[in-house]
């Protein structure tokens, strides 16, 4: 009885490992897979005051004649504004 249960568990583990291998091969070949969709990469922008990289969607901004500047914090944005005057 215990042998049958252990054998069943081993068969399930081998089958799962085999399926993951096939899934990886299909993904590498550019085919369709059952894996979760990955989040697309986000281009980061550099804070001109402290040099920290931030995502544009989460950054504070200042629009100037030279374009839009992105900041990681209110302190960096205030420092930039005071230097620009």
PDB file of N, CA and C in Angstrom:
ATOM      1  N   UNK A   1       0.813  -1.192   0.000  1.00  0.00           N
ATOM      2  CA  UNK A   1       0.000   0.000   0.000  1.00  0.00           C
ATOM      3  C   UNK A   1       0.865   1.269   0.000  1.00  0.00           C
ATOM      4  N   UNK A   2       1.837   1.323   0.900  1.00  0.00           N
ATOM      5  CA  UNK A   2       2.705   2.492   0.977  1.00  0.00           C
ATOM      6  C   UNK A   2       3.542   2.610  -0.291  1.00  0.00           C
ATOM      7  N   UNK A   3       3.978   1.484  -0.847  1.00  0.00           N
ATOM      8  CA  UNK A   3       4.742   1.507  -2.095  1.00  0.00           C
ATOM      9  C   UNK A   3       3.918   2.117  -3.225  1.00  0.00           C
ATOM     10  N   UNK A   4       2.651   1.793  -3.296  1.00  0.00           N
ATOM     11  CA  UNK A   4       1.785   2.308  -4.348  1.00  0.00           C
ATOM     12  C   UNK A   4       1.629   3.824  -4.212  1.00  0.00           C
ATOM     13  N   UNK A   5       1.488   4.315  -2.997  1.00  0.00           N
ATOM     14  CA  UNK A   5       1.360   5.761  -2.763  1.00  0.00           C
ATOM     15  C   UNK A   5       2.651   6.470  -3.142  1.00  0.00           C
ATOM     16  N   UNK A   6       3.786   5.943  -2.719  1.00  0.00           N
ATOM     17  CA  UNK A   6       5.075   6.543  -3.055  1.00  0.00           C
ATOM     18  C   UNK A   6       5.327   6.515  -4.563  1.00  0.00           C
ATOM     19  N   UNK A   7       4.974   5.412  -5.202  1.00  0.00           N
ATOM     20  CA  UNK A   7       5.133   5.304  -6.647  1.00  0.00           C
ATOM     21  C   UNK A   7       4.253   6.339  -7.357  1.00  0.00           C
ATOM     22  N   UNK A   8       3.040   6.527  -6.890  1.00  0.00           N
ATOM     23  CA  UNK A   8       2.146   7.538  -7.466  1.00  0.00           C
ATOM     24  C   UNK A   8       2.711   8.944  -7.319  1.00  0.00           C
ATOM     25  N   UNK A   9       3.281   9.235  -6.160  1.00  0.00           N
ATOM     26  CA  UNK A   9       3.882  10.555  -5.924  1.00  0.00           C
ATOM     27  C   UNK A   9       5.071  10.770  -6.850  1.00  0.00           C
ATOM     28  N   UNK A  10       5.916   9.754  -7.001  1.00  0.00           N
ATOM     29  CA  UNK A  10       7.084   9.858  -7.885  1.00  0.00           C
ATOM     30  C   UNK A  10       6.636  10.072  -9.332  1.00  0.00           C
ATOM     31  N   UNK A  11       5.616   9.358  -9.762  1.00  0.00           N
ATOM     32  CA  UNK A  11       5.110   9.517 -11.127  1.00  0.00           C
ATOM     33  C   UNK A  11       4.582  10.939 -11.343  1.00  0.00           C
ATOM     34  N   UNK A  12       3.860  11.474 -10.375  1.00  0.00           N
ATOM     35  CA  UNK A  12       3.355  12.836 -10.483  1.00  0.00           C
ATOM     36  C   UNK A  12       4.496  13.862 -10.553  1.00  0.00           C
ATOM     37  N   UNK A  13       5.519  13.679  -9.740  1.00  0.00           N
ATOM     38  CA  UNK A  13       6.653  14.608  -9.751  1.00  0.00           C
ATOM     39  C   UNK A  13       7.415  14.543 -11.076  1.00  0.00           C
ATOM     40  N   UNK A  14       7.601  13.352 -11.604  1.00  0.00           N
ATOM     41  CA  UNK A  14       8.292  13.201 -12.886  1.00  0.00           C
ATOM     42  C   UNK A  14       7.452  13.823 -13.999  1.00  0.00           C
ATOM     43  N   UNK A  15       6.150  13.602 -13.993  1.00  0.00           N
ATOM     44  CA  UNK A  15       5.276  14.163 -15.013  1.00  0.00           C
ATOM     45  C   UNK A  15       5.292  15.689 -14.956  1.00  0.00           C
ATOM     46  N   UNK A  16       5.271  16.244 -13.755  1.00  0.00           N
ATOM     47  CA  UNK A  16       5.303  17.704 -13.607  1.00  0.00           C
ATOM     48  C   UNK A  16       6.627  18.276 -14.101  1.00  0.00           C
ATOM     49  N   UNK A  17       7.725  17.629 -13.764  1.00  0.00           N
ATOM     50  CA  UNK A  17       9.038  18.090 -14.223  1.00  0.00           C
ATOM     51  C   UNK A  17       9.127  18.019 -15.746  1.00  0.00           C
ATOM     52  N   UNK A  18       8.599  16.957 -16.326  1.00  0.00           N
ATOM     53  CA  UNK A  18       8.602  16.814 -17.779  1.00  0.00           C
ATOM     54  C   UNK A  18       7.781  17.919 -18.429  1.00  0.00           C
ATOM     55  N   UNK A  19       6.619  18.213 -17.881  1.00  0.00           N
ATOM     56  CA  UNK A  19       5.765  19.247 -18.451  1.00  0.00           C
ATOM     57  C   UNK A  19       6.418  20.627 -18.355  1.00  0.00           C
ATOM     58  N   UNK A  20       7.091  20.899 -17.243  1.00  0.00           N
ATOM     59  CA  UNK A  20       7.785  22.183 -17.101  1.00  0.00           C
ATOM     60  C   UNK A  20       8.924  22.301 -18.104  1.00  0.00           C
ATOM     61  N   UNK A  21       9.605  21.203 -18.389  1.00  0.00           N
ATOM     62  CA  UNK A  21      10.661  21.193 -19.392  1.00  0.00           C
ATOM     63  C   UNK A  21      10.081  21.517 -20.767  1.00  0.00           C
ATOM     64  N   UNK A  22       8.991  20.860 -21.127  1.00  0.00           N
ATOM     65  CA  UNK A  22       8.358  21.103 -22.419  1.00  0.00           C
ATOM     66  C   UNK A  22       7.859  22.544 -22.502  1.00  0.00           C
ATOM     67  N   UNK A  23       7.291  23.057 -21.434  1.00  0.00           N
ATOM     68  CA  UNK A  23       6.806  24.437 -21.391  1.00  0.00           C
ATOM     69  C   UNK A  23       7.958  25.417 -21.618  1.00  0.00           C
ATOM     70  N   UNK A  24       9.102  25.171 -21.001  1.00  0.00           N
ATOM     71  CA  UNK A  24      10.279  26.019 -21.188  1.00  0.00           C
ATOM     72  C   UNK A  24      10.794  25.981 -22.611  1.00  0.00           C
ATOM     73  N   UNK A  25      10.785  24.814 -23.225  1.00  0.00           N
ATOM     74  CA  UNK A  25      11.227  24.684 -24.610  1.00  0.00           C
ATOM     75  C   UNK A  25      10.292  25.465 -25.530  1.00  0.00           C
ATOM     76  N   UNK A  26       8.984  25.346 -25.307  1.00  0.00           N
ATOM     77  CA  UNK A  26       8.024  26.083 -26.125  1.00  0.00           C
ATOM     78  C   UNK A  26       8.182  27.593 -25.952  1.00  0.00           C
ATOM     79  N   UNK A  27       8.424  28.033 -24.744  1.00  0.00           N
ATOM     80  CA  UNK A  27       8.602  29.458 -24.496  1.00  0.00           C
ATOM     81  C   UNK A  27       9.855  29.970 -25.204  1.00  0.00           C
ATOM     82  N   UNK A  28      10.933  29.196 -25.148  1.00  0.00           N
ATOM     83  CA  UNK A  28      12.169  29.602 -25.810  1.00  0.00           C
ATOM     84  C   UNK A  28      12.007  29.627 -27.326  1.00  0.00           C
ATOM     85  N   UNK A  29      11.172  28.758 -27.841  1.00  0.00           N
ATOM     86  CA  UNK A  29      10.942  28.704 -29.284  1.00  0.00           C
ATOM     87  C   UNK A  29       9.959  29.774 -29.746  1.00  0.00           C
ATOM     88  N   UNK A  30       9.357  30.500 -28.815  1.00  0.00           N
ATOM     89  CA  UNK A  30       8.436  31.570 -29.177  1.00  0.00           C
ATOM     90  C   UNK A  30       7.006  31.101 -29.335  1.00  0.00           C
ATOM     91  N   UNK A  31       6.715  29.898 -28.918  1.00  0.00           N
ATOM     92  CA  UNK A  31       5.351  29.387 -29.012  1.00  0.00           C
ATOM     93  C   UNK A  31       4.505  29.849 -27.848  1.00  0.00           C
ATOM     94  N   UNK A  32       3.291  29.408 -27.816  1.00  0.00           N
ATOM     95  CA  UNK A  32       2.407  29.774 -26.719  1.00  0.00           C
ATOM     96  C   UNK A  32       2.685  28.884 -25.523  1.00  0.00           C
ATOM     97  N   UNK A  33       2.540  29.444 -24.349  1.00  0.00           N
ATOM     98  CA  UNK A  33       2.779  28.698 -23.118  1.00  0.00           C
ATOM     99  C   UNK A  33       1.630  28.919 -22.154  1.00  0.00           C
ATOM    100  N   UNK A  34       1.665  28.173 -21.090  1.00  0.00           N
ATOM    101  CA  UNK A  34       0.659  28.326 -20.036  1.00  0.00           C
ATOM    102  C   UNK A  34       1.191  29.142 -18.879  1.00  0.00           C
ATOM    103  N   UNK A  35       2.366  29.733 -19.008  1.00  0.00           N
ATOM    104  CA  UNK A  35       2.939  30.516 -17.920  1.00  0.00           C
ATOM    105  C   UNK A  35       2.255  31.865 -17.825  1.00  0.00           C
ATOM    106  N   UNK A  36       2.396  32.512 -16.685  1.00  0.00           N
ATOM    107  CA  UNK A  36       1.798  33.821 -16.469  1.00  0.00           C
ATOM    108  C   UNK A  36       2.483  34.855 -17.357  1.00  0.00           C
ATOM    109  N   UNK A  37       1.712  35.836 -17.799  1.00  0.00           N
ATOM    110  CA  UNK A  37       2.280  36.926 -18.587  1.00  0.00           C
ATOM    111  C   UNK A  37       3.169  37.773 -17.682  1.00  0.00           C
ATOM    112  N   UNK A  38       4.315  38.140 -18.178  1.00  0.00           N
ATOM    113  CA  UNK A  38       5.243  38.955 -17.395  1.00  0.00           C
ATOM    114  C   UNK A  38       4.920  40.427 -17.592  1.00  0.00           C
ATOM    115  N   UNK A  39       5.237  41.220 -16.580  1.00  0.00           N
ATOM    116  CA  UNK A  39       5.020  42.656 -16.681  1.00  0.00           C
ATOM    117  C   UNK A  39       6.016  43.243 -17.666  1.00  0.00           C
ATOM    118  N   UNK A  40       5.576  44.166 -18.503  1.00  0.00           N
ATOM    119  CA  UNK A  40       6.513  44.782 -19.437  1.00  0.00           C
ATOM    120  C   UNK A  40       7.518  45.653 -18.684  1.00  0.00           C
ATOM    121  N   UNK A  41       8.685  45.818 -19.254  1.00  0.00           N
ATOM    122  CA  UNK A  41       9.723  46.639 -18.632  1.00  0.00           C
ATOM    123  C   UNK A  41       9.305  48.102 -18.654  1.00  0.00           C
ATOM    124  N   UNK A  42       9.688  48.818 -17.623  1.00  0.00           N
ATOM    125  CA  UNK A  42       9.391  50.243 -17.523  1.00  0.00           C
ATOM    126  C   UNK A  42      10.705  50.994 -17.665  1.00  0.00           C
ATOM    127  N   UNK A  43      10.735  51.967 -18.568  1.00  0.00           N
ATOM    128  CA  UNK A  43      11.932  52.778 -18.738  1.00  0.00           C
ATOM    129  C   UNK A  43      12.025  53.761 -17.579  1.00  0.00           C
ATOM    130  N   UNK A  44      13.151  53.751 -16.886  1.00  0.00           N
ATOM    131  CA  UNK A  44      13.350  54.645 -15.756  1.00  0.00           C
ATOM    132  C   UNK A  44      14.001  55.934 -16.219  1.00  0.00           C
ATOM    133  N   UNK A  45      13.733  57.002 -15.480  1.00  0.00           N
ATOM    134  CA  UNK A  45      14.343  58.308 -15.750  1.00  0.00           C
ATOM    135  C   UNK A  45      15.178  58.704 -14.538  1.00  0.00           C
ATOM    136  N   UNK A  46      16.181  59.542 -14.773  1.00  0.00           N
ATOM    137  CA  UNK A  46      17.103  59.904 -13.700  1.00  0.00           C
ATOM    138  C   UNK A  46      16.744  61.262 -13.103  1.00  0.00           C
ATOM    139  N   UNK A  47      16.708  61.306 -11.786  1.00  0.00           N
ATOM    140  CA  UNK A  47      16.483  62.551 -11.056  1.00  0.00           C
ATOM    141  C   UNK A  47      17.721  63.430 -11.259  1.00  0.00           C
ATOM    142  N   UNK A  48      17.561  64.677 -11.785  1.00  0.00           N
ATOM    143  CA  UNK A  48      18.731  65.512 -12.064  1.00  0.00           C
ATOM    144  C   UNK A  48      19.434  66.052 -10.816  1.00  0.00           C
ATOM    145  N   UNK A  49      18.791  65.962  -9.660  1.00  0.00           N
ATOM    146  CA  UNK A  49      19.400  66.495  -8.434  1.00  0.00           C
ATOM    147  C   UNK A  49      20.237  65.430  -7.734  1.00  0.00           C
ATOM    148  N   UNK A  50      19.642  64.287  -7.417  1.00  0.00           N
ATOM    149  CA  UNK A  50      20.356  63.277  -6.644  1.00  0.00           C
ATOM    150  C   UNK A  50      20.810  62.077  -7.468  1.00  0.00           C
ATOM    151  N   UNK A  51      20.303  61.949  -8.701  1.00  0.00           N
ATOM    152  CA  UNK A  51      20.733  60.861  -9.573  1.00  0.00           C
ATOM    153  C   UNK A  51      19.981  59.561  -9.403  1.00  0.00           C
ATOM    154  N   UNK A  52      18.950  59.539  -8.572  1.00  0.00           N
ATOM    155  CA  UNK A  52      18.154  58.337  -8.363  1.00  0.00           C
ATOM    156  C   UNK A  52      17.311  58.059  -9.606  1.00  0.00           C
ATOM    157  N   UNK A  53      17.191  56.783  -9.963  1.00  0.00           N
ATOM    158  CA  UNK A  53      16.333  56.411 -11.085  1.00  0.00           C
ATOM    159  C   UNK A  53      14.924  56.159 -10.559  1.00  0.00           C
ATOM    160  N   UNK A  54      13.926  56.740 -11.239  1.00  0.00           N
ATOM    161  CA  UNK A  54      12.528  56.604 -10.837  1.00  0.00           C
ATOM    162  C   UNK A  54      11.673  56.267 -12.047  1.00  0.00           C
ATOM    163  N   UNK A  55      10.549  55.614 -11.798  1.00  0.00           N
ATOM    164  CA  UNK A  55       9.589  55.328 -12.857  1.00  0.00           C
ATOM    165  C   UNK A  55       8.809  56.602 -13.139  1.00  0.00           C
ATOM    166  N   UNK A  56       8.653  56.991 -14.399  1.00  0.00           N
ATOM    167  CA  UNK A  56       7.960  58.239 -14.715  1.00  0.00           C
ATOM    168  C   UNK A  56       6.546  58.320 -14.132  1.00  0.00           C
ATOM    169  N   UNK A  57       5.866  57.201 -14.023  1.00  0.00           N
ATOM    170  CA  UNK A  57       4.514  57.220 -13.481  1.00  0.00           C
ATOM    171  C   UNK A  57       4.448  57.535 -12.001  1.00  0.00           C
ATOM    172  N   UNK A  58       5.540  57.297 -11.272  1.00  0.00           N
ATOM    173  CA  UNK A  58       5.574  57.546  -9.827  1.00  0.00           C
ATOM    174  C   UNK A  58       6.349  58.801  -9.456  1.00  0.00           C
ATOM    175  N   UNK A  59       6.939  59.472 -10.435  1.00  0.00           N
ATOM    176  CA  UNK A  59       7.828  60.598 -10.152  1.00  0.00           C
ATOM    177  C   UNK A  59       7.067  61.912 -10.071  1.00  0.00           C
ATOM    178  N   UNK A  60       7.651  62.846  -9.355  1.00  0.00           N
ATOM    179  CA  UNK A  60       7.183  64.233  -9.348  1.00  0.00           C
ATOM    180  C   UNK A  60       7.824  64.917 -10.545  1.00  0.00           C
ATOM    181  N   UNK A  61       7.145  65.870 -11.152  1.00  0.00           N
ATOM    182  CA  UNK A  61       7.668  66.482 -12.371  1.00  0.00           C
ATOM    183  C   UNK A  61       7.702  67.999 -12.296  1.00  0.00           C
ATOM    184  N   UNK A  62       8.547  68.570 -13.150  1.00  0.00           N
ATOM    185  CA  UNK A  62       8.589  70.001 -13.399  1.00  0.00           C
ATOM    186  C   UNK A  62       8.764  70.158 -14.899  1.00  0.00           C
ATOM    187  N   UNK A  63       7.883  70.934 -15.525  1.00  0.00           N
ATOM    188  CA  UNK A  63       7.992  71.214 -16.958  1.00  0.00           C
ATOM    189  C   UNK A  63       8.715  72.530 -17.148  1.00  0.00           C
ATOM    190  N   UNK A  64       9.765  72.504 -17.956  1.00  0.00           N
ATOM    191  CA  UNK A  64      10.519  73.711 -18.281  1.00  0.00           C
ATOM    192  C   UNK A  64      10.577  73.826 -19.797  1.00  0.00           C
ATOM    193  N   UNK A  65      11.191  74.887 -20.280  1.00  0.00           N
ATOM    194  CA  UNK A  65      11.352  75.066 -21.715  1.00  0.00           C
ATOM    195  C   UNK A  65      12.212  73.968 -22.327  1.00  0.00           C
ATOM    196  N   UNK A  66      13.073  73.357 -21.505  1.00  0.00           N
ATOM    197  CA  UNK A  66      13.971  72.299 -21.980  1.00  0.00           C
ATOM    198  C   UNK A  66      13.303  70.927 -21.946  1.00  0.00           C
ATOM    199  N   UNK A  67      12.107  70.836 -21.393  1.00  0.00           N
ATOM    200  CA  UNK A  67      11.414  69.552 -21.317  1.00  0.00           C
ATOM    201  C   UNK A  67      10.912  69.260 -19.923  1.00  0.00           C
ATOM    202  N   UNK A  68      10.539  68.017 -19.707  1.00  0.00           N
ATOM    203  CA  UNK A  68      10.019  67.596 -18.415  1.00  0.00           C
ATOM    204  C   UNK A  68      11.140  66.966 -17.606  1.00  0.00           C
ATOM    205  N   UNK A  69      11.241  67.368 -16.346  1.00  0.00           N
ATOM    206  CA  UNK A  69      12.241  66.813 -15.425  1.00  0.00           C
ATOM    207  C   UNK A  69      11.493  65.992 -14.373  1.00  0.00           C
ATOM    208  N   UNK A  70      12.050  64.840 -14.034  1.00  0.00           N
ATOM    209  CA  UNK A  70      11.417  63.905 -13.095  1.00  0.00           C
ATOM    210  C   UNK A  70      12.231  63.838 -11.805  1.00  0.00           C
ATOM    211  N   UNK A  71      11.509  63.768 -10.664  1.00  0.00           N
ATOM    212  CA  UNK A  71      12.168  63.795  -9.357  1.00  0.00           C
ATOM    213  C   UNK A  71      11.649  62.684  -8.457  1.00  0.00           C
ATOM    214  N   UNK A  72      12.534  62.206  -7.575  1.00  0.00           N
ATOM    215  CA  UNK A  72      12.161  61.119  -6.664  1.00  0.00           C
ATOM    216  C   UNK A  72      11.421  61.633  -5.437  1.00  0.00           C
ATOM    217  N   UNK A  73      11.625  62.905  -5.085  1.00  0.00           N
ATOM    218  CA  UNK A  73      11.000  63.431  -3.863  1.00  0.00           C
ATOM    219  C   UNK A  73      10.717  64.924  -4.022  1.00  0.00           C
ATOM    220  N   UNK A  74       9.916  65.425  -3.113  1.00  0.00           N
ATOM    221  CA  UNK A  74       9.605  66.851  -3.097  1.00  0.00           C
ATOM    222  C   UNK A  74      10.857  67.663  -2.778  1.00  0.00           C
ATOM    223  N   UNK A  75      11.745  67.127  -1.964  1.00  0.00           N
ATOM    224  CA  UNK A  75      12.989  67.820  -1.618  1.00  0.00           C
ATOM    225  C   UNK A  75      13.850  68.042  -2.863  1.00  0.00           C
ATOM    226  N   UNK A  76      13.985  67.016  -3.711  1.00  0.00           N
ATOM    227  CA  UNK A  76      14.767  67.160  -4.943  1.00  0.00           C
ATOM    228  C   UNK A  76      14.107  68.157  -5.897  1.00  0.00           C
ATOM    229  N   UNK A  77      12.792  68.111  -5.986  1.00  0.00           N
ATOM    230  CA  UNK A  77      12.087  69.041  -6.867  1.00  0.00           C
ATOM    231  C   UNK A  77      12.263  70.478  -6.375  1.00  0.00           C
ATOM    232  N   UNK A  78      12.190  70.696  -5.068  1.00  0.00           N
ATOM    233  CA  UNK A  78      12.384  72.043  -4.516  1.00  0.00           C
ATOM    234  C   UNK A  78      13.806  72.539  -4.739  1.00  0.00           C
ATOM    235  N   UNK A  79      14.770  71.646  -4.578  1.00  0.00           N
ATOM    236  CA  UNK A  79      16.172  72.017  -4.816  1.00  0.00           C
ATOM    237  C   UNK A  79      16.370  72.415  -6.266  1.00  0.00           C
ATOM    238  N   UNK A  80      15.792  71.668  -7.189  1.00  0.00           N
ATOM    239  CA  UNK A  80      15.903  71.989  -8.614  1.00  0.00           C
ATOM    240  C   UNK A  80      15.268  73.330  -8.920  1.00  0.00           C
ATOM    241  N   UNK A  81      14.098  73.577  -8.365  1.00  0.00           N
ATOM    242  CA  UNK A  81      13.413  74.860  -8.610  1.00  0.00           C
ATOM    243  C   UNK A  81      14.231  76.030  -8.071  1.00  0.00           C
ATOM    244  N   UNK A  82      14.848  75.866  -6.884  1.00  0.00           N
ATOM    245  CA  UNK A  82      15.630  76.959  -6.311  1.00  0.00           C
ATOM    246  C   UNK A  82      16.905  77.219  -7.116  1.00  0.00           C
ATOM    247  N   UNK A  83      17.480  76.185  -7.701  1.00  0.00           N
ATOM    248  CA  UNK A  83      18.682  76.356  -8.531  1.00  0.00           C
ATOM    249  C   UNK A  83      18.341  77.001  -9.882  1.00  0.00           C
ATOM    250  N   UNK A  84      17.143  76.776 -10.355  1.00  0.00           N
ATOM    251  CA  UNK A  84      16.740  77.274 -11.677  1.00  0.00           C
ATOM    252  C   UNK A  84      16.396  78.756 -11.666  1.00  0.00           C
ATOM    253  N   UNK A  85      16.166  79.310 -10.507  1.00  0.00           N
ATOM    254  CA  UNK A  85      15.759  80.724 -10.427  1.00  0.00           C
ATOM    255  C   UNK A  85      16.936  81.646 -10.474  1.00  0.00           C
TER     256      UNK A  85
END
